[in-house]
Amino acid sequence: MSRVRRPFGAAVALAVCAAAALTSGATGPAAAAGNDTRAAARQTPDEPSLTGAAKLKRKPGDDVHFAFNAHGFADKARGTFYVSHHMGKDWGGYFKGRIDCLLTGGPVAVATGIVTESHFEAAPGLPQVGDLKGKRFGFTVLDDGKKDRLGYSWALDGLPEKSVGPCQGSAPFETLEKGNYKVHHWMPSREATKATKG
């Protein structure tokens, strides 16, 4: 059976290239547009975020990748996630979806998302993964420089079968082989929270 692979790293690479182009010292209309964009960004309210893509540290032939582009506070969060897992030449697949909750605390982010698409190839003697569409899964990331860690809500299930509540994940127990995650911490002030509730 053919392996299912998605170039999720390409989106990260494109974002880096676009950022480099905006700051390369261009002149003329492009530079003016860049200045307008930066001015608008300075006026945008701060918010938490979790971004990046990485491959987990596993034994050879066990390839696991996670990518996130999540922004916004709590149940107002938005963005996407992507997970792929392949073992050997025959078994593997991916699932992806939309972020529906994000909380940060210093270098740690906890996010959840609803699966909008999934596909796994079956292989004899390996786990059968059903359709995951519509289920909510949780992710926890520790942004620790070159020692980032990641956890996921199905750590004890073996397979992502059970949905969790918004912003619920596990301890970040996995280590990375390559890649990087960036957590931007932000919380609303207590005054703003009280005003919202009032």
Foldseek 3Di string as FASTA:
>chain_A
DAADDDPPVVVVVVVVVVVCVLPVPDDDPSVVVSVVVVVVVVVDDDWKWKFKKFWFDDPPQWTKIKTWTWIHAAQVIWTKIKIWTGGHGFWIWIWMFIWGGWADDVQKIKTKGFTQDIDIGDDPPDDDDDTRHGAMKMKMWGQDPQWIFIWIACPPVNYPDHHDDGRDTDPRPITTPDMGMGIDHDDDDPVVVVVVVD
